Amino acid sequence: MAQTADAVLRGGEQALELAKTYGATLQPRLSGGFFDLLRTDIATIRANGEVQSVRSTKRSATVSQNDAIRQGAELVSAIRAAVRTGAPANKALWKAFGVGSKVTPTVRSVSGALSAVIAAAAKFPSETAAIGLLAADLQRAQTYAAAIADADSAQEITKLTSKQMTAQYRAALDRLASNLAHLAAVARIALDSDAANAFAAVVPSSTSRKKPAPAPAPAPQ
């Protein structure tokens, strides 16, 4: 079973505490900036809460978009009804406003219907006024169309951001777990038994398949 994020994070923080005492002895055996990388990965894992915040923002964007889609669809239906009843014989006007076409609660369908209404009103201004549509009605249509477009863009941006942050988080988690295991192995070579065991103890259990063997006793003088 994979180690938990909490266990890896806790192990990393404990390793940094031990490094305050033993870092100078271990560093020559480790890659440059090894402990700095531990700190960076710990910070990335701690920032995982931001991923959840981004996902929450993405859900909020969806709700806003759904509201705009619903209200936009209702407005289109009301306008088409006004066209149908206000100009029963003007089939060209019906066609321009999309009378008889079905609007489904999707970004593409409602956006297209709103665009058609706005274009039809611009093409037939006198006929539009005659059936009872005001500039304020068309402004509402433009507002809903803009809200749908903005929300759709926001969704895509937050979706991409969420994926990137999640990828960074997982990479940091795997790298930190691996580096903790390597640090414990190096400590067995460089340090006495008690210190080596302290480093072994911070390695998440699933990262280390078995308990490390005792550190070798110092060679006799």
N, C-alpha and C. Protein backbone atom coordinates (compact mmCIF):
# COMPACT_ATOMS: atom_id res chain seq x y z
N MET A 1 0.85 -1.19 0.00
CA MET A 1 0.00 0.00 0.00
C MET A 1 0.88 1.24 0.00
N ALA A 2 0.58 2.19 -0.83
CA ALA A 2 1.40 3.39 -0.93
C ALA A 2 1.36 4.18 0.37
N GLN A 3 2.49 4.82 0.67
CA GLN A 3 2.56 5.62 1.88
C GLN A 3 1.63 6.81 1.76
N THR A 4 1.13 7.27 2.90
CA THR A 4 0.23 8.41 2.89
C THR A 4 1.03 9.70 2.81
N ALA A 5 0.38 10.75 2.33
CA ALA A 5 1.04 12.04 2.23
C ALA A 5 1.45 12.53 3.62
N ASP A 6 0.60 12.30 4.62
CA ASP A 6 0.91 12.75 5.97
C ASP A 6 2.19 12.10 6.49
N ALA A 7 2.33 10.79 6.21
CA ALA A 7 3.51 10.08 6.69
C ALA A 7 4.77 10.59 6.01
N VAL A 8 4.69 10.83 4.72
CA VAL A 8 5.86 11.32 3.99
C VAL A 8 6.21 12.73 4.45
N LEU A 9 5.20 13.56 4.61
CA LEU A 9 5.43 14.93 5.06
C LEU A 9 6.05 14.95 6.45
N ARG A 10 5.51 14.14 7.34
CA ARG A 10 6.04 14.07 8.70
C ARG A 10 7.49 13.57 8.69
N GLY A 11 7.76 12.57 7.85
CA GLY A 11 9.12 12.05 7.75
C GLY A 11 10.09 13.09 7.23
N GLY A 12 9.66 13.87 6.25
CA GLY A 12 10.52 14.91 5.71
C GLY A 12 10.87 15.96 6.75
N GLU A 13 9.87 16.38 7.52
CA GLU A 13 10.11 17.40 8.54
C GLU A 13 11.03 16.86 9.64
N GLN A 14 10.85 15.59 10.00
CA GLN A 14 11.73 14.99 11.01
C GLN A 14 13.15 14.85 10.49
N ALA A 15 13.29 14.53 9.21
CA ALA A 15 14.62 14.40 8.61
C ALA A 15 15.34 15.75 8.63
N LEU A 16 14.64 16.82 8.37
CA LEU A 16 15.27 18.14 8.40
C LEU A 16 15.71 18.50 9.83
N GLU A 17 14.95 18.07 10.81
CA GLU A 17 15.36 18.31 12.19
C GLU A 17 16.65 17.55 12.49
N LEU A 18 16.72 16.30 12.06
CA LEU A 18 17.94 15.50 12.28
C LEU A 18 19.12 16.09 11.53
N ALA A 19 18.84 16.68 10.38
CA ALA A 19 19.91 17.26 9.56
C ALA A 19 20.58 18.44 10.25
N LYS A 20 19.89 19.08 11.18
CA LYS A 20 20.51 20.18 11.91
C LYS A 20 21.73 19.68 12.69
N THR A 21 21.66 18.42 13.10
CA THR A 21 22.77 17.83 13.85
C THR A 21 23.74 17.08 12.96
N TYR A 22 23.21 16.34 11.97
CA TYR A 22 24.06 15.44 11.20
C TYR A 22 24.26 15.85 9.74
N GLY A 23 23.66 16.95 9.35
CA GLY A 23 23.72 17.35 7.95
C GLY A 23 25.12 17.53 7.42
N ALA A 24 25.99 18.14 8.21
CA ALA A 24 27.36 18.39 7.75
C ALA A 24 28.10 17.09 7.46
N THR A 25 27.82 16.06 8.23
CA THR A 25 28.46 14.76 8.01
C THR A 25 27.89 14.05 6.79
N LEU A 26 26.59 14.20 6.57
CA LEU A 26 25.92 13.49 5.48
C LEU A 26 26.06 14.18 4.12
N GLN A 27 26.11 15.50 4.12
CA GLN A 27 26.06 16.24 2.86
C GLN A 27 27.11 15.83 1.84
N PRO A 28 28.37 15.54 2.23
CA PRO A 28 29.35 15.13 1.22
C PRO A 28 28.97 13.84 0.49
N ARG A 29 28.09 13.05 1.07
CA ARG A 29 27.67 11.80 0.45
C ARG A 29 26.38 11.97 -0.37
N LEU A 30 25.81 13.17 -0.35
CA LEU A 30 24.53 13.42 -1.01
C LEU A 30 24.72 14.40 -2.17
N SER A 31 23.74 14.46 -3.04
CA SER A 31 23.81 15.39 -4.15
C SER A 31 23.72 16.83 -3.65
N GLY A 32 24.26 17.74 -4.42
CA GLY A 32 24.23 19.14 -4.03
C GLY A 32 22.80 19.63 -3.86
N GLY A 33 22.57 20.39 -2.79
CA GLY A 33 21.24 20.92 -2.54
C GLY A 33 20.24 19.88 -2.09
N PHE A 34 20.69 18.76 -1.59
CA PHE A 34 19.78 17.67 -1.21
C PHE A 34 18.77 18.13 -0.17
N PHE A 35 19.24 18.78 0.87
CA PHE A 35 18.32 19.18 1.94
C PHE A 35 17.43 20.35 1.49
N ASP A 36 17.93 21.19 0.59
CA ASP A 36 17.09 22.25 0.04
C ASP A 36 15.94 21.65 -0.76
N LEU A 37 16.23 20.56 -1.48
CA LEU A 37 15.18 19.90 -2.25
C LEU A 37 14.14 19.29 -1.32
N LEU A 38 14.58 18.75 -0.18
CA LEU A 38 13.62 18.24 0.80
C LEU A 38 12.68 19.36 1.24
N ARG A 39 13.27 20.53 1.52
CA ARG A 39 12.44 21.66 1.97
C ARG A 39 11.45 22.08 0.89
N THR A 40 11.90 22.11 -0.35
CA THR A 40 11.03 22.50 -1.46
C THR A 40 9.87 21.53 -1.62
N ASP A 41 10.18 20.24 -1.57
CA ASP A 41 9.13 19.23 -1.73
C ASP A 41 8.14 19.25 -0.56
N ILE A 42 8.64 19.50 0.63
CA ILE A 42 7.76 19.61 1.79
C ILE A 42 6.80 20.78 1.59
N ALA A 43 7.32 21.91 1.11
CA ALA A 43 6.47 23.08 0.88
C ALA A 43 5.42 22.80 -0.18
N THR A 44 5.79 22.06 -1.23
CA THR A 44 4.85 21.72 -2.30
C THR A 44 3.74 20.83 -1.78
N ILE A 45 4.10 19.87 -0.95
CA ILE A 45 3.09 18.96 -0.39
C ILE A 45 2.16 19.73 0.55
N ARG A 46 2.73 20.63 1.34
CA ARG A 46 1.90 21.42 2.24
C ARG A 46 0.92 22.30 1.46
N ALA A 47 1.34 22.71 0.28
CA ALA A 47 0.49 23.58 -0.55
C ALA A 47 -0.62 22.81 -1.25
N ASN A 48 -0.72 21.51 -0.95
CA ASN A 48 -1.77 20.72 -1.59
C ASN A 48 -3.16 21.28 -1.29
N GLY A 49 -3.28 21.97 -0.15
CA GLY A 49 -4.56 22.61 0.17
C GLY A 49 -4.97 23.61 -0.89
N GLU A 50 -3.98 24.20 -1.59
CA GLU A 50 -4.29 25.14 -2.66
C GLU A 50 -4.94 24.43 -3.83
N VAL A 51 -4.55 23.18 -4.06
CA VAL A 51 -5.18 22.41 -5.12
C VAL A 51 -6.67 22.27 -4.83
N GLN A 52 -6.99 21.98 -3.56
CA GLN A 52 -8.40 21.84 -3.19
C GLN A 52 -9.13 23.17 -3.38
N SER A 53 -8.45 24.28 -3.08
CA SER A 53 -9.06 25.59 -3.26
C SER A 53 -9.34 25.85 -4.73
N VAL A 54 -8.39 25.47 -5.60
CA VAL A 54 -8.58 25.65 -7.03
C VAL A 54 -9.75 24.82 -7.52
N ARG A 55 -9.86 23.58 -7.00
CA ARG A 55 -10.98 22.73 -7.40
C ARG A 55 -12.30 23.34 -6.96
N SER A 56 -12.30 23.96 -5.78
CA SER A 56 -13.51 24.63 -5.31
C SER A 56 -13.86 25.80 -6.21
N THR A 57 -12.84 26.54 -6.65
CA THR A 57 -13.06 27.65 -7.57
C THR A 57 -13.65 27.14 -8.87
N LYS A 58 -13.13 25.99 -9.32
CA LYS A 58 -13.63 25.41 -10.57
C LYS A 58 -15.10 25.04 -10.43
N ARG A 59 -15.47 24.48 -9.27
CA ARG A 59 -16.88 24.14 -9.05
C ARG A 59 -17.74 25.40 -9.04
N SER A 60 -17.21 26.48 -8.44
CA SER A 60 -17.95 27.74 -8.40
C SER A 60 -18.15 28.28 -9.80
N ALA A 61 -17.11 28.15 -10.64
CA ALA A 61 -17.23 28.62 -12.02
C ALA A 61 -18.32 27.85 -12.75
N THR A 62 -18.43 26.54 -12.47
CA THR A 62 -19.46 25.73 -13.11
C THR A 62 -20.85 26.19 -12.70
N VAL A 63 -21.01 26.48 -11.41
CA VAL A 63 -22.32 26.94 -10.93
C VAL A 63 -22.69 28.26 -11.62
N SER A 64 -21.76 29.19 -11.71
CA SER A 64 -22.02 30.47 -12.35
C SER A 64 -22.40 30.27 -13.81
N GLN A 65 -21.71 29.36 -14.45
CA GLN A 65 -22.00 29.08 -15.85
C GLN A 65 -23.38 28.45 -16.00
N ASN A 66 -23.70 27.54 -15.11
CA ASN A 66 -25.02 26.91 -15.17
C ASN A 66 -26.14 27.92 -14.97
N ASP A 67 -25.92 28.88 -14.08
CA ASP A 67 -26.91 29.93 -13.88
C ASP A 67 -27.10 30.75 -15.16
N ALA A 68 -25.99 31.11 -15.78
CA ALA A 68 -26.07 31.91 -17.02
C ALA A 68 -26.74 31.12 -18.13
N ILE A 69 -26.45 29.82 -18.22
CA ILE A 69 -27.07 28.98 -19.24
C ILE A 69 -28.58 28.90 -19.01
N ARG A 70 -28.97 28.66 -17.76
CA ARG A 70 -30.41 28.54 -17.45
C ARG A 70 -31.15 29.84 -17.75
N GLN A 71 -30.62 30.95 -17.26
CA GLN A 71 -31.28 32.23 -17.47
C GLN A 71 -31.27 32.64 -18.94
N GLY A 72 -30.16 32.34 -19.61
CA GLY A 72 -30.09 32.65 -21.04
C GLY A 72 -31.10 31.86 -21.84
N ALA A 73 -31.25 30.58 -21.51
CA ALA A 73 -32.22 29.74 -22.21
C ALA A 73 -33.64 30.24 -21.98
N GLU A 74 -33.93 30.65 -20.74
CA GLU A 74 -35.27 31.17 -20.44
C GLU A 74 -35.55 32.45 -21.22
N LEU A 75 -34.55 33.32 -21.34
CA LEU A 75 -34.73 34.57 -22.07
C LEU A 75 -34.96 34.30 -23.56
N VAL A 76 -34.18 33.37 -24.13
CA VAL A 76 -34.35 33.03 -25.54
C VAL A 76 -35.76 32.51 -25.80
N SER A 77 -36.23 31.63 -24.92
CA SER A 77 -37.58 31.07 -25.10
C SER A 77 -38.65 32.16 -25.03
N ALA A 78 -38.46 33.10 -24.08
CA ALA A 78 -39.44 34.19 -23.95
C ALA A 78 -39.43 35.10 -25.17
N ILE A 79 -38.25 35.40 -25.69
CA ILE A 79 -38.14 36.27 -26.87
C ILE A 79 -38.75 35.59 -28.09
N ARG A 80 -38.47 34.29 -28.26
CA ARG A 80 -39.03 33.58 -29.41
C ARG A 80 -40.56 33.52 -29.32
N ALA A 81 -41.07 33.39 -28.11
CA ALA A 81 -42.53 33.38 -27.96
C ALA A 81 -43.11 34.74 -28.35
N ALA A 82 -42.40 35.81 -27.98
CA ALA A 82 -42.86 37.15 -28.35
C ALA A 82 -42.82 37.36 -29.86
N VAL A 83 -41.79 36.80 -30.50
CA VAL A 83 -41.68 36.90 -31.97
C VAL A 83 -42.83 36.13 -32.62
N ARG A 84 -43.11 34.95 -32.09
CA ARG A 84 -44.15 34.09 -32.67
C ARG A 84 -45.53 34.72 -32.54
N THR A 85 -45.80 35.30 -31.38
CA THR A 85 -47.13 35.89 -31.17
C THR A 85 -47.22 37.32 -31.69
N GLY A 86 -46.09 38.01 -31.69
CA GLY A 86 -46.13 39.42 -32.11
C GLY A 86 -46.02 39.60 -33.61
N ALA A 87 -45.45 38.60 -34.31
CA ALA A 87 -45.31 38.68 -35.77
C ALA A 87 -45.66 37.31 -36.36
N PRO A 88 -46.92 36.88 -36.21
CA PRO A 88 -47.31 35.52 -36.59
C PRO A 88 -47.12 35.20 -38.07
N ALA A 89 -47.08 36.20 -38.92
CA ALA A 89 -46.96 35.93 -40.35
C ALA A 89 -45.57 36.20 -40.90
N ASN A 90 -44.67 36.72 -40.08
CA ASN A 90 -43.33 37.10 -40.57
C ASN A 90 -42.37 35.93 -40.39
N LYS A 91 -42.35 35.03 -41.35
CA LYS A 91 -41.52 33.84 -41.25
C LYS A 91 -40.03 34.16 -41.32
N ALA A 92 -39.68 35.24 -42.03
CA ALA A 92 -38.27 35.64 -42.09
C ALA A 92 -37.77 36.04 -40.70
N LEU A 93 -38.63 36.72 -39.95
CA LEU A 93 -38.28 37.11 -38.58
C LEU A 93 -38.20 35.88 -37.68
N TRP A 94 -39.12 34.96 -37.87
CA TRP A 94 -39.09 33.72 -37.10
C TRP A 94 -37.76 32.99 -37.30
N LYS A 95 -37.37 32.90 -38.57
CA LYS A 95 -36.14 32.18 -38.89
C LYS A 95 -34.93 32.87 -38.27
N ALA A 96 -34.90 34.21 -38.35
CA ALA A 96 -33.77 34.95 -37.81
C ALA A 96 -33.64 34.76 -36.30
N PHE A 97 -34.77 34.74 -35.61
CA PHE A 97 -34.74 34.58 -34.15
C PHE A 97 -34.69 33.11 -33.72
N GLY A 98 -34.83 32.19 -34.68
CA GLY A 98 -34.74 30.78 -34.35
C GLY A 98 -36.01 30.20 -33.78
N VAL A 99 -37.16 30.82 -34.09
CA VAL A 99 -38.44 30.29 -33.60
C VAL A 99 -38.63 28.88 -34.14
N GLY A 100 -38.99 27.97 -33.27
CA GLY A 100 -39.17 26.58 -33.66
C GLY A 100 -37.94 25.72 -33.38
N SER A 101 -36.78 26.36 -33.15
CA SER A 101 -35.57 25.60 -32.84
C SER A 101 -35.53 25.27 -31.35
N LYS A 102 -34.95 24.16 -31.02
CA LYS A 102 -34.88 23.72 -29.63
C LYS A 102 -33.59 24.24 -28.99
N VAL A 103 -33.72 24.70 -27.76
CA VAL A 103 -32.54 25.13 -26.99
C VAL A 103 -32.29 24.10 -25.89
N THR A 104 -31.10 23.54 -25.90
CA THR A 104 -30.73 22.59 -24.84
C THR A 104 -29.82 23.30 -23.85
N PRO A 105 -29.82 22.87 -22.59
CA PRO A 105 -29.03 23.56 -21.55
C PRO A 105 -27.54 23.26 -21.64
N THR A 106 -26.93 23.65 -22.75
CA THR A 106 -25.50 23.47 -22.94
C THR A 106 -24.87 24.79 -23.35
N VAL A 107 -23.57 24.90 -23.17
CA VAL A 107 -22.86 26.12 -23.55
C VAL A 107 -23.08 26.43 -25.03
N ARG A 108 -22.89 25.42 -25.87
CA ARG A 108 -22.98 25.64 -27.31
C ARG A 108 -24.39 26.05 -27.74
N SER A 109 -25.40 25.35 -27.24
CA SER A 109 -26.77 25.62 -27.66
C SER A 109 -27.25 27.00 -27.21
N VAL A 110 -27.06 27.33 -25.95
CA VAL A 110 -27.56 28.61 -25.43
C VAL A 110 -26.74 29.76 -25.99
N SER A 111 -25.43 29.59 -26.09
CA SER A 111 -24.60 30.66 -26.66
C SER A 111 -25.02 30.95 -28.10
N GLY A 112 -25.26 29.88 -28.86
CA GLY A 112 -25.69 30.06 -30.25
C GLY A 112 -27.03 30.74 -30.35
N ALA A 113 -27.97 30.37 -29.48
CA ALA A 113 -29.31 30.96 -29.50
C ALA A 113 -29.27 32.43 -29.12
N LEU A 114 -28.47 32.76 -28.10
CA LEU A 114 -28.34 34.16 -27.70
C LEU A 114 -27.71 35.00 -28.81
N SER A 115 -26.71 34.44 -29.45
CA SER A 115 -26.06 35.16 -30.56
C SER A 115 -27.04 35.39 -31.69
N ALA A 116 -27.89 34.40 -31.97
CA ALA A 116 -28.88 34.54 -33.03
C ALA A 116 -29.89 35.63 -32.70
N VAL A 117 -30.33 35.68 -31.45
CA VAL A 117 -31.28 36.71 -31.02
C VAL A 117 -30.67 38.10 -31.18
N ILE A 118 -29.44 38.25 -30.74
CA ILE A 118 -28.77 39.55 -30.82
C ILE A 118 -28.60 39.98 -32.27
N ALA A 119 -28.19 39.02 -33.12
CA ALA A 119 -28.00 39.33 -34.55
C ALA A 119 -29.32 39.67 -35.23
N ALA A 120 -30.38 38.94 -34.89
CA ALA A 120 -31.69 39.18 -35.50
C ALA A 120 -32.22 40.56 -35.12
N ALA A 121 -32.03 40.94 -33.87
CA ALA A 121 -32.50 42.26 -33.44
C ALA A 121 -31.76 43.38 -34.16
N ALA A 122 -30.47 43.15 -34.42
CA ALA A 122 -29.70 44.16 -35.15
C ALA A 122 -30.12 44.23 -36.61
N LYS A 123 -30.53 43.10 -37.17
CA LYS A 123 -30.93 43.05 -38.59
C LYS A 123 -32.34 43.60 -38.80
N PHE A 124 -33.22 43.36 -37.81
CA PHE A 124 -34.62 43.79 -37.93
C PHE A 124 -34.99 44.70 -36.75
N PRO A 125 -34.40 45.87 -36.66
CA PRO A 125 -34.65 46.72 -35.48
C PRO A 125 -36.10 47.17 -35.33
N SER A 126 -36.75 47.56 -36.42
CA SER A 126 -38.13 48.05 -36.29
C SER A 126 -39.08 46.91 -35.94
N GLU A 127 -38.89 45.76 -36.56
CA GLU A 127 -39.74 44.61 -36.27
C GLU A 127 -39.53 44.14 -34.83
N THR A 128 -38.28 44.21 -34.37
CA THR A 128 -37.98 43.82 -33.00
C THR A 128 -38.69 44.73 -32.01
N ALA A 129 -38.65 46.02 -32.27
CA ALA A 129 -39.33 46.97 -31.39
C ALA A 129 -40.84 46.77 -31.42
N ALA A 130 -41.36 46.42 -32.59
CA ALA A 130 -42.81 46.28 -32.75
C ALA A 130 -43.37 45.11 -31.94
N ILE A 131 -42.57 44.09 -31.70
CA ILE A 131 -43.08 42.94 -30.95
C ILE A 131 -42.86 43.10 -29.44
N GLY A 132 -42.30 44.24 -29.05
CA GLY A 132 -42.19 44.53 -27.61
C GLY A 132 -40.84 44.31 -26.99
N LEU A 133 -39.81 44.08 -27.81
CA LEU A 133 -38.46 43.90 -27.26
C LEU A 133 -37.76 45.24 -27.13
N LEU A 134 -37.17 45.46 -25.98
CA LEU A 134 -36.46 46.70 -25.70
C LEU A 134 -34.95 46.49 -25.71
N ALA A 135 -34.24 47.60 -25.74
CA ALA A 135 -32.77 47.53 -25.70
C ALA A 135 -32.31 46.80 -24.44
N ALA A 136 -33.04 46.98 -23.34
CA ALA A 136 -32.67 46.32 -22.08
C ALA A 136 -32.75 44.80 -22.20
N ASP A 137 -33.70 44.31 -22.99
CA ASP A 137 -33.82 42.86 -23.19
C ASP A 137 -32.61 42.31 -23.95
N LEU A 138 -32.19 43.06 -24.95
CA LEU A 138 -31.04 42.64 -25.75
C LEU A 138 -29.75 42.76 -24.94
N GLN A 139 -29.72 43.75 -24.05
CA GLN A 139 -28.56 43.88 -23.16
C GLN A 139 -28.47 42.67 -22.24
N ARG A 140 -29.61 42.19 -21.77
CA ARG A 140 -29.60 40.98 -20.94
C ARG A 140 -29.06 39.80 -21.72
N ALA A 141 -29.47 39.68 -22.99
CA ALA A 141 -28.98 38.59 -23.82
C ALA A 141 -27.46 38.67 -23.97
N GLN A 142 -26.94 39.88 -24.17
CA GLN A 142 -25.49 40.06 -24.30
C GLN A 142 -24.78 39.74 -22.98
N THR A 143 -25.41 40.11 -21.87
CA THR A 143 -24.81 39.84 -20.56
C THR A 143 -24.71 38.34 -20.32
N TYR A 144 -25.78 37.60 -20.63
CA TYR A 144 -25.75 36.15 -20.43
C TYR A 144 -24.72 35.50 -21.35
N ALA A 145 -24.66 35.95 -22.60
CA ALA A 145 -23.71 35.38 -23.55
C ALA A 145 -22.28 35.59 -23.06
N ALA A 146 -22.00 36.80 -22.56
CA ALA A 146 -20.66 37.10 -22.05
C ALA A 146 -20.34 36.28 -20.80
N ALA A 147 -21.34 36.12 -19.93
CA ALA A 147 -21.13 35.35 -18.69
C ALA A 147 -20.83 33.89 -19.00
N ILE A 148 -21.53 33.33 -19.99
CA ILE A 148 -21.28 31.94 -20.37
C ILE A 148 -19.87 31.79 -20.93
N ALA A 149 -19.48 32.72 -21.79
CA ALA A 149 -18.14 32.66 -22.39
C ALA A 149 -17.06 32.82 -21.34
N ASP A 150 -17.25 33.77 -20.42
CA ASP A 150 -16.26 33.99 -19.37
C ASP A 150 -16.14 32.79 -18.44
N ALA A 151 -17.29 32.23 -18.06
CA ALA A 151 -17.28 31.07 -17.16
C ALA A 151 -16.63 29.88 -17.84
N ASP A 152 -16.88 29.71 -19.14
CA ASP A 152 -16.29 28.59 -19.86
C ASP A 152 -14.78 28.71 -19.89
N SER A 153 -14.28 29.93 -20.11
CA SER A 153 -12.84 30.17 -20.10
C SER A 153 -12.26 29.92 -18.72
N ALA A 154 -12.99 30.40 -17.68
CA ALA A 154 -12.51 30.21 -16.31
C ALA A 154 -12.43 28.74 -15.96
N GLN A 155 -13.39 27.95 -16.41
CA GLN A 155 -13.37 26.51 -16.16
C GLN A 155 -12.13 25.87 -16.75
N GLU A 156 -11.83 26.21 -18.00
CA GLU A 156 -10.69 25.60 -18.67
C GLU A 156 -9.39 25.99 -17.99
N ILE A 157 -9.30 27.26 -17.57
CA ILE A 157 -8.09 27.73 -16.91
C ILE A 157 -7.89 27.02 -15.57
N THR A 158 -8.96 26.95 -14.75
CA THR A 158 -8.83 26.30 -13.45
C THR A 158 -8.62 24.80 -13.59
N LYS A 159 -9.19 24.20 -14.63
CA LYS A 159 -8.98 22.77 -14.87
C LYS A 159 -7.51 22.51 -15.15
N LEU A 160 -6.91 23.35 -16.00
CA LEU A 160 -5.50 23.19 -16.35
C LEU A 160 -4.63 23.43 -15.13
N THR A 161 -4.94 24.50 -14.37
CA THR A 161 -4.17 24.82 -13.18
C THR A 161 -4.24 23.69 -12.17
N SER A 162 -5.42 23.14 -11.97
CA SER A 162 -5.59 22.04 -11.03
C SER A 162 -4.76 20.83 -11.43
N LYS A 163 -4.76 20.50 -12.72
CA LYS A 163 -3.97 19.37 -13.19
C LYS A 163 -2.49 19.60 -12.97
N GLN A 164 -2.02 20.81 -13.24
CA GLN A 164 -0.61 21.13 -13.06
C GLN A 164 -0.21 21.03 -11.60
N MET A 165 -1.03 21.59 -10.72
CA MET A 165 -0.71 21.56 -9.29
C MET A 165 -0.74 20.14 -8.75
N THR A 166 -1.69 19.34 -9.22
CA THR A 166 -1.77 17.96 -8.77
C THR A 166 -0.56 17.17 -9.22
N ALA A 167 -0.12 17.42 -10.46
CA ALA A 167 1.07 16.74 -10.98
C ALA A 167 2.31 17.12 -10.16
N GLN A 168 2.45 18.40 -9.82
CA GLN A 168 3.57 18.86 -9.02
C GLN A 168 3.53 18.23 -7.63
N TYR A 169 2.35 18.16 -7.06
CA TYR A 169 2.18 17.58 -5.73
C TYR A 169 2.59 16.11 -5.71
N ARG A 170 2.12 15.35 -6.70
CA ARG A 170 2.44 13.92 -6.74
C ARG A 170 3.92 13.69 -6.97
N ALA A 171 4.52 14.52 -7.85
CA ALA A 171 5.95 14.38 -8.11
C ALA A 171 6.75 14.68 -6.84
N ALA A 172 6.36 15.72 -6.11
CA ALA A 172 7.06 16.07 -4.88
C ALA A 172 6.91 14.97 -3.83
N LEU A 173 5.72 14.38 -3.75
CA LEU A 173 5.47 13.32 -2.77
C LEU A 173 6.35 12.10 -3.07
N ASP A 174 6.39 11.68 -4.33
CA ASP A 174 7.20 10.53 -4.71
C ASP A 174 8.69 10.80 -4.50
N ARG A 175 9.11 12.01 -4.88
CA ARG A 175 10.54 12.35 -4.76
C ARG A 175 10.96 12.42 -3.29
N LEU A 176 10.11 13.01 -2.46
CA LEU A 176 10.44 13.11 -1.04
C LEU A 176 10.53 11.74 -0.40
N ALA A 177 9.60 10.85 -0.71
CA ALA A 177 9.63 9.49 -0.16
C ALA A 177 10.90 8.77 -0.59
N SER A 178 11.25 8.91 -1.85
CA SER A 178 12.47 8.26 -2.36
C SER A 178 13.72 8.82 -1.70
N ASN A 179 13.77 10.13 -1.54
CA ASN A 179 14.95 10.76 -0.94
C ASN A 179 15.09 10.42 0.54
N LEU A 180 13.97 10.24 1.22
CA LEU A 180 14.05 9.84 2.62
C LEU A 180 14.66 8.44 2.75
N ALA A 181 14.25 7.56 1.85
CA ALA A 181 14.82 6.20 1.87
C ALA A 181 16.31 6.24 1.58
N HIS A 182 16.72 7.06 0.61
CA HIS A 182 18.15 7.17 0.28
C HIS A 182 18.92 7.78 1.44
N LEU A 183 18.34 8.79 2.06
CA LEU A 183 19.01 9.44 3.19
C LEU A 183 19.25 8.44 4.31
N ALA A 184 18.27 7.59 4.58
CA ALA A 184 18.43 6.58 5.63
C ALA A 184 19.54 5.59 5.27
N ALA A 185 19.63 5.24 3.99
CA ALA A 185 20.68 4.31 3.56
C ALA A 185 22.06 4.93 3.72
N VAL A 186 22.18 6.20 3.36
CA VAL A 186 23.47 6.90 3.51
C VAL A 186 23.83 7.04 4.98
N ALA A 187 22.82 7.31 5.80
CA ALA A 187 23.07 7.47 7.23
C ALA A 187 23.63 6.19 7.83
N ARG A 188 23.23 5.05 7.33
CA ARG A 188 23.75 3.76 7.84
C ARG A 188 25.24 3.64 7.59
N ILE A 189 25.71 4.27 6.53
CA ILE A 189 27.15 4.20 6.21
C ILE A 189 27.93 5.23 7.02
N ALA A 190 27.33 6.44 7.13
CA ALA A 190 28.10 7.56 7.66
C ALA A 190 27.99 7.75 9.17
N LEU A 191 26.94 7.25 9.80
CA LEU A 191 26.69 7.57 11.19
C LEU A 191 26.71 6.35 12.09
N ASP A 192 26.74 6.61 13.39
CA ASP A 192 26.69 5.49 14.32
C ASP A 192 25.29 4.88 14.34
N SER A 193 25.15 3.78 15.03
CA SER A 193 23.90 3.02 14.99
C SER A 193 22.70 3.82 15.46
N ASP A 194 22.82 4.55 16.55
CA ASP A 194 21.68 5.29 17.08
C ASP A 194 21.22 6.38 16.10
N ALA A 195 22.16 7.11 15.55
CA ALA A 195 21.82 8.18 14.61
C ALA A 195 21.23 7.60 13.33
N ALA A 196 21.83 6.50 12.84
CA ALA A 196 21.32 5.87 11.63
C ALA A 196 19.89 5.38 11.82
N ASN A 197 19.63 4.82 12.98
CA ASN A 197 18.28 4.33 13.27
C ASN A 197 17.28 5.48 13.35
N ALA A 198 17.71 6.63 13.79
CA ALA A 198 16.83 7.79 13.85
C ALA A 198 16.40 8.20 12.44
N PHE A 199 17.34 8.15 11.49
CA PHE A 199 16.99 8.46 10.11
C PHE A 199 16.10 7.37 9.51
N ALA A 200 16.38 6.11 9.85
CA ALA A 200 15.56 5.01 9.33
C ALA A 200 14.12 5.13 9.83
N ALA A 201 13.95 5.65 11.04
CA ALA A 201 12.62 5.73 11.64
C ALA A 201 11.72 6.75 10.96
N VAL A 202 12.30 7.70 10.23
CA VAL A 202 11.46 8.72 9.59
C VAL A 202 11.00 8.29 8.20
N VAL A 203 11.51 7.16 7.71
CA VAL A 203 11.12 6.69 6.38
C VAL A 203 9.73 6.06 6.47
N PRO A 204 8.76 6.51 5.64
CA PRO A 204 7.43 5.89 5.66
C PRO A 204 7.54 4.38 5.46
N SER A 205 6.76 3.62 6.20
CA SER A 205 6.93 2.17 6.25
C SER A 205 6.86 1.50 4.89
N SER A 206 5.97 1.94 4.00
CA SER A 206 5.85 1.26 2.71
C SER A 206 6.98 1.60 1.76
N THR A 207 7.73 2.69 2.08
CA THR A 207 8.87 3.04 1.24
C THR A 207 10.02 2.09 1.50
N SER A 208 10.11 1.66 2.78
CA SER A 208 11.14 0.70 3.14
C SER A 208 10.49 -0.66 3.29
N ARG A 209 10.84 -1.59 2.44
CA ARG A 209 10.17 -2.89 2.42
C ARG A 209 10.44 -3.71 3.68
N LYS A 210 11.56 -3.48 4.29
CA LYS A 210 11.87 -4.22 5.52
C LYS A 210 12.69 -3.32 6.43
N LYS A 211 12.75 -3.69 7.68
CA LYS A 211 13.51 -2.89 8.61
C LYS A 211 14.98 -2.92 8.24
N PRO A 212 15.65 -1.75 8.30
CA PRO A 212 17.06 -1.74 7.95
C PRO A 212 17.89 -2.54 8.94
N ALA A 213 18.93 -3.12 8.42
CA ALA A 213 19.84 -3.84 9.29
C ALA A 213 20.56 -2.85 10.17
N PRO A 214 21.04 -3.29 11.32
CA PRO A 214 21.78 -2.36 12.19
C PRO A 214 22.99 -1.80 11.47
N ALA A 215 23.33 -0.56 11.80
CA ALA A 215 24.50 0.05 11.20
C ALA A 215 25.74 -0.75 11.61
N PRO A 216 26.72 -0.87 10.74
CA PRO A 216 27.92 -1.63 11.09
C PRO A 216 28.67 -0.94 12.22
N ALA A 217 29.24 -1.74 13.08
CA ALA A 217 30.00 -1.18 14.19
C ALA A 217 31.26 -0.50 13.65
N PRO A 218 31.70 0.58 14.31
CA PRO A 218 32.92 1.25 13.87
C PRO A 218 34.10 0.28 13.90
N ALA A 219 34.98 0.44 12.93
CA ALA A 219 36.16 -0.43 12.86
C ALA A 219 37.04 -0.19 14.08
N PRO A 220 37.61 -1.25 14.60
CA PRO A 220 38.48 -1.09 15.79
C PRO A 220 39.69 -0.22 15.45
N GLN A 221 40.07 0.58 16.40
CA GLN A 221 41.22 1.48 16.20
C GLN A 221 42.51 0.69 16.31
